[in-house]
C-alpha atoms as a PDB file:
ATOM      1  CA  ARG A   1      10.082  14.352   9.186  1.00  0.00           C
ATOM      2  CA  SER A   2       9.626  17.111  11.778  1.00  0.00           C
ATOM      3  CA  LYS A   3       6.524  18.449  10.000  1.00  0.00           C
ATOM      4  CA  PHE A   4       4.667  15.120   9.789  1.00  0.00           C
ATOM      5  CA  LYS A   5       6.194  13.437  12.884  1.00  0.00           C
ATOM      6  CA  ALA A   6       7.269  10.458  10.784  1.00  0.00           C
ATOM      7  CA  ALA A   7       8.786   7.470  12.602  1.00  0.00           C
ATOM      8  CA  GLY A   8      11.180   6.921   9.717  1.00  0.00           C
ATOM      9  CA  VAL A   9      12.296   8.396   6.401  1.00  0.00           C
ATOM     10  CA  TRP A  10      14.267   6.898   3.536  1.00  0.00           C
ATOM     11  CA  ALA A  11      15.407   7.848   0.040  1.00  0.00           C
ATOM     12  CA  ILE A  12      17.322   6.292  -2.867  1.00  0.00           C
ATOM     13  CA  VAL A  13      18.773   7.770  -6.050  1.00  0.00           C
ATOM     14  CA  GLN A  14      19.628   5.285  -8.801  1.00  0.00           C
ATOM     15  CA  ASP A  15      21.063   5.664 -12.285  1.00  0.00           C
ATOM     16  CA  VAL A  16      18.333   4.367 -14.600  1.00  0.00           C
ATOM     17  CA  ARG A  17      20.687   3.041 -17.289  1.00  0.00           C
ATOM     18  CA  SER A  18      23.392   1.400 -15.169  1.00  0.00           C
ATOM     19  CA  GLY A  19      21.526   0.469 -11.997  1.00  0.00           C
ATOM     20  CA  GLU A  20      24.195   2.181  -9.864  1.00  0.00           C
ATOM     21  CA  ILE A  21      22.990   3.480  -6.510  1.00  0.00           C
ATOM     22  CA  LEU A  22      24.105   7.102  -6.398  1.00  0.00           C
ATOM     23  CA  ALA A  23      22.669   7.904  -2.966  1.00  0.00           C
ATOM     24  CA  MET A  24      20.905   5.981  -0.224  1.00  0.00           C
ATOM     25  CA  ALA A  25      19.744   7.327   3.124  1.00  0.00           C
ATOM     26  CA  SER A  26      17.701   5.986   6.027  1.00  0.00           C
ATOM     27  CA  PHE A  27      16.561   7.843   9.150  1.00  0.00           C
ATOM     28  CA  PRO A  28      16.696   7.423  12.153  1.00  0.00           C
ATOM     29  CA  THR A  29      20.413   6.871  11.885  1.00  0.00           C
ATOM     30  CA  TYR A  30      23.087   6.187  14.490  1.00  0.00           C
ATOM     31  CA  ASP A  31      26.682   6.746  15.526  1.00  0.00           C
ATOM     32  CA  LEU A  32      28.896   3.803  14.521  1.00  0.00           C
ATOM     33  CA  ASN A  33      30.989   4.494  17.602  1.00  0.00           C
ATOM     34  CA  ARG A  34      27.952   3.751  19.773  1.00  0.00           C
ATOM     35  CA  PHE A  35      26.632   0.717  17.920  1.00  0.00           C
ATOM     36  CA  SER A  36      25.871  -1.427  20.978  1.00  0.00           C
ATOM     37  CA  SER A  37      23.824   1.290  22.674  1.00  0.00           C
ATOM     38  CA  THR A  38      21.741   2.089  19.593  1.00  0.00           C
ATOM     39  CA  PRO A  39      18.143   0.768  19.349  1.00  0.00           C
ATOM     40  CA  PRO A  40      17.978  -2.069  16.758  1.00  0.00           C
ATOM     41  CA  GLU A  41      15.265  -0.213  14.814  1.00  0.00           C
ATOM     42  CA  TRP A  42      17.675   2.662  14.220  1.00  0.00           C
ATOM     43  CA  ARG A  43      20.196   0.298  12.658  1.00  0.00           C
ATOM     44  CA  ARG A  44      17.848  -0.791   9.906  1.00  0.00           C
ATOM     45  CA  ASN A  45      18.459   0.296   6.344  1.00  0.00           C
ATOM     46  CA  ARG A  46      14.814   1.033   5.633  1.00  0.00           C
ATOM     47  CA  THR A  47      15.351   1.337   1.895  1.00  0.00           C
ATOM     48  CA  ILE A  48      15.818  -2.439   1.663  1.00  0.00           C
ATOM     49  CA  SER A  49      14.520  -3.907   4.938  1.00  0.00           C
ATOM     50  CA  TYR A  50      11.139  -2.253   5.419  1.00  0.00           C
ATOM     51  CA  ASN A  51       8.073  -3.726   3.703  1.00  0.00           C
ATOM     52  CA  TYR A  52       5.059  -1.506   3.037  1.00  0.00           C
ATOM     53  CA  GLU A  53       2.029  -1.374   0.756  1.00  0.00           C
ATOM     54  CA  PRO A  54       3.267   0.701  -2.188  1.00  0.00           C
ATOM     55  CA  GLY A  55      -0.135   2.114  -3.096  1.00  0.00           C
ATOM     56  CA  SER A  56      -0.691   3.941  -6.369  1.00  0.00           C
ATOM     57  CA  VAL A  57       2.922   3.694  -7.533  1.00  0.00           C
ATOM     58  CA  MET A  58       1.966   0.109  -8.485  1.00  0.00           C
ATOM     59  CA  LYS A  59      -0.344   1.419 -11.220  1.00  0.00           C
ATOM     60  CA  PRO A  60       2.389   2.046 -13.814  1.00  0.00           C
ATOM     61  CA  ALA A  61       3.516  -1.583 -13.457  1.00  0.00           C
ATOM     62  CA  VAL A  62       0.011  -2.967 -13.995  1.00  0.00           C
ATOM     63  CA  ILE A  63      -0.692  -0.729 -16.983  1.00  0.00           C
ATOM     64  CA  ALA A  64       2.743  -1.424 -18.492  1.00  0.00           C
ATOM     65  CA  LEU A  65       2.099  -5.179 -18.267  1.00  0.00           C
ATOM     66  CA  ALA A  66      -1.283  -4.849 -19.988  1.00  0.00           C
ATOM     67  CA  MET A  67       0.206  -2.699 -22.761  1.00  0.00           C
ATOM     68  CA  ASP A  68       3.145  -5.065 -23.205  1.00  0.00           C
ATOM     69  CA  ARG A  69       0.702  -7.933 -23.722  1.00  0.00           C
ATOM     70  CA  GLY A  70      -1.302  -5.978 -26.278  1.00  0.00           C
ATOM     71  CA  LEU A  71      -4.419  -5.854 -24.116  1.00  0.00           C
ATOM     72  CA  VAL A  72      -4.682  -2.064 -24.199  1.00  0.00           C
ATOM     73  CA  THR A  73      -3.145   0.927 -25.904  1.00  0.00           C
ATOM     74  CA  LYS A  74      -2.743   4.354 -24.361  1.00  0.00           C
ATOM     75  CA  ASP A  75      -5.773   5.618 -26.305  1.00  0.00           C
ATOM     76  CA  ASP A  76      -8.251   2.861 -25.360  1.00  0.00           C
ATOM     77  CA  ILE A  77     -11.252   4.038 -23.365  1.00  0.00           C
ATOM     78  CA  ILE A  78     -11.993   2.722 -19.856  1.00  0.00           C
ATOM     79  CA  ASP A  79     -15.320   3.379 -18.140  1.00  0.00           C
ATOM     80  CA  CYS A  80     -14.438   4.598 -14.645  1.00  0.00           C
ATOM     81  CA  GLU A  81     -18.027   4.409 -13.429  1.00  0.00           C
ATOM     82  CA  ASN A  82     -18.299   8.015 -12.221  1.00  0.00           C
ATOM     83  CA  GLY A  83     -16.045   7.276  -9.254  1.00  0.00           C
ATOM     84  CA  ARG A  84     -17.770   4.268  -7.665  1.00  0.00           C
ATOM     85  CA  TRP A  85     -17.713   0.660  -8.865  1.00  0.00           C
ATOM     86  CA  ILE A  86     -18.947  -2.522  -7.243  1.00  0.00           C
ATOM     87  CA  HIS A  87     -16.739  -5.530  -7.919  1.00  0.00           C
ATOM     88  CA  ALA A  88     -17.333  -8.937  -6.278  1.00  0.00           C
ATOM     89  CA  GLY A  89     -19.758  -7.256  -3.910  1.00  0.00           C
ATOM     90  CA  LYS A  90     -17.205  -4.702  -2.692  1.00  0.00           C
ATOM     91  CA  PRO A  91     -17.117  -1.002  -3.605  1.00  0.00           C
ATOM     92  CA  LEU A  92     -14.077   0.596  -5.180  1.00  0.00           C
ATOM     93  CA  HIS A  93     -13.779   4.380  -5.296  1.00  0.00           C
ATOM     94  CA  ASP A  94     -11.786   7.036  -7.065  1.00  0.00           C
ATOM     95  CA  SER A  95     -10.772  10.264  -5.349  1.00  0.00           C
ATOM     96  CA  HIS A  96     -12.677  12.166  -8.051  1.00  0.00           C
ATOM     97  CA  PRO A  97     -15.605  11.004 -10.211  1.00  0.00           C
ATOM     98  CA  PHE A  98     -14.523  10.093 -13.720  1.00  0.00           C
ATOM     99  CA  ASP A  99     -16.558   8.601 -16.550  1.00  0.00           C
ATOM    100  CA  ASP A 100     -14.672   7.577 -19.691  1.00  0.00           C
ATOM    101  CA  LEU A 101     -10.896   7.943 -19.538  1.00  0.00           C
ATOM    102  CA  THR A 102      -8.214   6.839 -21.936  1.00  0.00           C
ATOM    103  CA  VAL A 103      -5.618   4.467 -20.529  1.00  0.00           C
ATOM    104  CA  GLU A 104      -3.178   7.365 -20.534  1.00  0.00           C
ATOM    105  CA  GLU A 105      -5.654   9.452 -18.513  1.00  0.00           C
ATOM    106  CA  VAL A 106      -6.270   6.560 -16.117  1.00  0.00           C
ATOM    107  CA  LEU A 107      -2.603   6.769 -15.218  1.00  0.00           C
ATOM    108  CA  GLN A 108      -2.521  10.570 -15.198  1.00  0.00           C
ATOM    109  CA  HIS A 109      -5.483  10.773 -12.818  1.00  0.00           C
ATOM    110  CA  SER A 110      -4.413   7.696 -10.813  1.00  0.00           C
ATOM    111  CA  SER A 111      -7.821   6.082 -11.231  1.00  0.00           C
ATOM    112  CA  ASN A 112      -8.278   3.072  -8.957  1.00  0.00           C
ATOM    113  CA  ILE A 113     -11.257   1.865 -10.951  1.00  0.00           C
ATOM    114  CA  GLY A 114      -9.618   2.275 -14.332  1.00  0.00           C
ATOM    115  CA  THR A 115      -6.448   0.491 -13.272  1.00  0.00           C
ATOM    116  CA  ALA A 116      -8.419  -2.304 -11.611  1.00  0.00           C
ATOM    117  CA  LYS A 117     -10.352  -2.911 -14.827  1.00  0.00           C
ATOM    118  CA  ILE A 118      -7.105  -3.017 -16.790  1.00  0.00           C
ATOM    119  CA  ALA A 119      -5.591  -5.475 -14.294  1.00  0.00           C
ATOM    120  CA  MET A 120      -8.616  -7.720 -14.654  1.00  0.00           C
ATOM    121  CA  MET A 121      -7.964  -8.061 -18.372  1.00  0.00           C
ATOM    122  CA  MET A 122      -5.133 -10.379 -17.339  1.00  0.00           C
ATOM    123  CA  GLU A 123      -5.479 -13.842 -15.837  1.00  0.00           C
ATOM    124  CA  ASP A 124      -4.448 -14.043 -12.182  1.00  0.00           C
ATOM    125  CA  GLN A 125      -1.322 -16.054 -12.950  1.00  0.00           C
ATOM    126  CA  GLU A 126      -0.417 -13.707 -15.794  1.00  0.00           C
ATOM    127  CA  LEU A 127      -0.648 -10.677 -13.498  1.00  0.00           C
ATOM    128  CA  TYR A 128       1.305 -12.464 -10.782  1.00  0.00           C
ATOM    129  CA  ASP A 129       4.061 -13.559 -13.152  1.00  0.00           C
ATOM    130  CA  GLY A 130       4.245 -10.074 -14.635  1.00  0.00           C
ATOM    131  CA  LEU A 131       4.666  -8.375 -11.281  1.00  0.00           C
ATOM    132  CA  ARG A 132       7.203 -11.004 -10.270  1.00  0.00           C
ATOM    133  CA  SER A 133       9.164 -10.186 -13.414  1.00  0.00           C
ATOM    134  CA  PHE A 134       9.437  -6.622 -12.110  1.00  0.00           C
ATOM    135  CA  GLY A 135      11.040  -8.064  -8.980  1.00  0.00           C
ATOM    136  CA  PHE A 136       8.201  -8.046  -6.472  1.00  0.00           C
ATOM    137  CA  GLY A 137       8.319 -10.879  -3.952  1.00  0.00           C
ATOM    138  CA  LYS A 138      12.050 -11.514  -4.362  1.00  0.00           C
ATOM    139  CA  LYS A 139      15.313  -9.856  -3.423  1.00  0.00           C
ATOM    140  CA  THR A 140      16.958  -7.522  -5.901  1.00  0.00           C
ATOM    141  CA  GLY A 141      20.381  -9.002  -5.139  1.00  0.00           C
ATOM    142  CA  ILE A 142      21.940  -5.745  -4.003  1.00  0.00           C
ATOM    143  CA  HIS A 143      25.206  -6.296  -2.134  1.00  0.00           C
ATOM    144  CA  LEU A 144      23.908  -5.106   1.236  1.00  0.00           C
ATOM    145  CA  ALA A 145      22.907  -7.087   4.300  1.00  0.00           C
ATOM    146  CA  ALA A 146      19.353  -7.691   5.549  1.00  0.00           C
ATOM    147  CA  GLU A 147      17.477  -7.125   2.288  1.00  0.00           C
ATOM    148  CA  GLU A 148      13.816  -8.196   2.500  1.00  0.00           C
ATOM    149  CA  ARG A 149      12.094 -10.032  -0.345  1.00  0.00           C
ATOM    150  CA  GLY A 150       8.741  -8.373   0.219  1.00  0.00           C
ATOM    151  CA  ILE A 151       5.342 -10.029   0.671  1.00  0.00           C
ATOM    152  CA  PHE A 152       3.594 -11.247  -2.465  1.00  0.00           C
ATOM    153  CA  TYR A 153       1.390 -14.333  -2.295  1.00  0.00           C
ATOM    154  CA  SER A 154       0.697 -16.587  -5.284  1.00  0.00           C
ATOM    155  CA  PRO A 155      -2.774 -16.579  -6.892  1.00  0.00           C
ATOM    156  CA  LYS A 156      -3.887 -19.660  -4.955  1.00  0.00           C
ATOM    157  CA  HIS A 157      -4.076 -17.397  -1.904  1.00  0.00           C
ATOM    158  CA  TRP A 158      -5.940 -14.555  -3.635  1.00  0.00           C
ATOM    159  CA  SER A 159      -9.514 -13.552  -2.881  1.00  0.00           C
ATOM    160  CA  LYS A 160     -12.104 -12.486  -5.437  1.00  0.00           C
ATOM    161  CA  ILE A 161     -11.035  -8.858  -5.097  1.00  0.00           C
ATOM    162  CA  THR A 162      -7.243  -9.303  -4.911  1.00  0.00           C
ATOM    163  CA  THR A 163      -6.638  -8.459  -8.574  1.00  0.00           C
ATOM    164  CA  SER A 164      -8.477  -5.156  -8.270  1.00  0.00           C
ATOM    165  CA  ARG A 165      -6.640  -4.309  -5.044  1.00  0.00           C
ATOM    166  CA  LEU A 166      -3.205  -5.261  -6.353  1.00  0.00           C
ATOM    167  CA  ALA A 167      -3.832  -2.794  -9.163  1.00  0.00           C
ATOM    168  CA  MET A 168      -3.684   0.061  -6.663  1.00  0.00           C
ATOM    169  CA  GLY A 169      -0.842  -1.349  -4.607  1.00  0.00           C
ATOM    170  CA  HIS A 170      -2.753  -3.114  -1.840  1.00  0.00           C
ATOM    171  CA  GLU A 171      -2.398  -6.746  -0.702  1.00  0.00           C
ATOM    172  CA  ILE A 172       1.327  -6.640  -1.483  1.00  0.00           C
ATOM    173  CA  GLY A 173       4.364  -5.636   0.547  1.00  0.00           C
ATOM    174  CA  ALA A 174       7.434  -4.165  -1.140  1.00  0.00           C
ATOM    175  CA  THR A 175      10.650  -2.411  -0.278  1.00  0.00           C
ATOM    176  CA  ALA A 176      11.521   1.050  -1.549  1.00  0.00           C
ATOM    177  CA  LEU A 177      14.283  -0.463  -3.674  1.00  0.00           C
ATOM    178  CA  GLN A 178      11.838  -2.886  -5.345  1.00  0.00           C
ATOM    179  CA  VAL A 179       9.478  -0.037  -6.201  1.00  0.00           C
ATOM    180  CA  LEU A 180      12.342   2.072  -7.532  1.00  0.00           C
ATOM    181  CA  SER A 181      13.610  -0.854  -9.597  1.00  0.00           C
ATOM    182  CA  MET A 182      10.153  -1.277 -11.155  1.00  0.00           C
ATOM    183  CA  MET A 183       9.898   2.389 -12.095  1.00  0.00           C
ATOM    184  CA  ASN A 184      13.417   2.420 -13.510  1.00  0.00           C
ATOM    185  CA  THR A 185      12.700  -0.707 -15.553  1.00  0.00           C
ATOM    186  CA  ILE A 186       9.839   1.128 -17.263  1.00  0.00           C
ATOM    187  CA  ALA A 187      12.034   4.195 -17.750  1.00  0.00           C
ATOM    188  CA  ASN A 188      14.768   1.969 -19.212  1.00  0.00           C
ATOM    189  CA  ASN A 189      12.509   0.585 -21.966  1.00  0.00           C
ATOM    190  CA  GLY A 190      11.791  -2.643 -20.092  1.00  0.00           C
ATOM    191  CA  ARG A 191      15.376  -3.534 -19.269  1.00  0.00           C
ATOM    192  CA  GLN A 192      15.850  -4.163 -15.558  1.00  0.00           C
ATOM    193  CA  MET A 193      19.268  -3.408 -14.107  1.00  0.00           C
ATOM    194  CA  ARG A 194      20.633  -5.000 -10.955  1.00  0.00           C
ATOM    195  CA  PRO A 195      21.156  -2.322  -8.283  1.00  0.00           C
ATOM    196  CA  LEU A 196      24.870  -1.744  -7.657  1.00  0.00           C
ATOM    197  CA  VAL A 197      26.535  -0.159  -4.647  1.00  0.00           C
ATOM    198  CA  ILE A 198      29.992  -1.391  -5.720  1.00  0.00           C
ATOM    199  CA  ARG A 199      30.973  -1.231  -9.385  1.00  0.00           C
ATOM    200  CA  GLU A 200      34.331  -2.969  -9.092  1.00  0.00           C
ATOM    201  CA  ILE A 201      37.151  -3.809  -6.683  1.00  0.00           C
ATOM    202  CA  LYS A 202      40.770  -2.987  -7.483  1.00  0.00           C
ATOM    203  CA  ASP A 203      43.998  -4.111  -5.847  1.00  0.00           C
ATOM    204  CA  SER A 204      46.779  -1.808  -4.635  1.00  0.00           C
ATOM    205  CA  ARG A 205      48.170  -1.608  -8.178  1.00  0.00           C
ATOM    206  CA  GLY A 206      44.874  -0.454  -9.630  1.00  0.00           C
ATOM    207  CA  GLN A 207      44.100  -3.787 -11.304  1.00  0.00           C
ATOM    208  CA  VAL A 208      40.455  -4.821 -11.317  1.00  0.00           C
ATOM    209  CA  ILE A 209      40.059  -8.048  -9.378  1.00  0.00           C
ATOM    210  CA  GLU A 210      36.251  -8.253  -9.260  1.00  0.00           C
ATOM    211  CA  THR A 211      33.350  -6.577 -11.054  1.00  0.00           C
ATOM    212  CA  PHE A 212      29.655  -6.465 -10.192  1.00  0.00           C
ATOM    213  CA  TYR A 213      28.047  -5.096 -13.360  1.00  0.00           C
END
């Protein structure tokens, strides 16, 4: 934070298999003893209440959806247009010029053009439903206050270039927890786990009175 003068920093560590939140931090933070004198912005848990454009971390979700639907395999070749591609009258660029890349290489090199072309193999509604199934545009259900649902409009509000921009994480707002949940779903062989901060509640005798898993 001090190096880049960031206004805020946040981090989450989650167990891929169980969904348990092992660590969660948000900065700026505050002293609970001075709650009333703390700026409201400092009291936000940014891991769940701050929406941002996720950017290239959206690419694994798009490619995973296309592979799950049998539209591509990791070895299929995508023409990445030597780093510049015009779609619907708008240019799309890669950070480095690539020609033919396999789907696996598209992900490795984080090709905007390659991922956009893969996204466009799906119908708009199919892409929307797929990303919704990862949890974008809705709350994860974590047992913490003030969770945001993100910003993800239905296809009737999309422009001609929305599909290609969604592929690289633009035109969508997500929380850090939603992005983490998507990545962990892929890592967990497609099984999405509800994020847990409390596993169970026990009474004074050690008897479990409520579980959350």
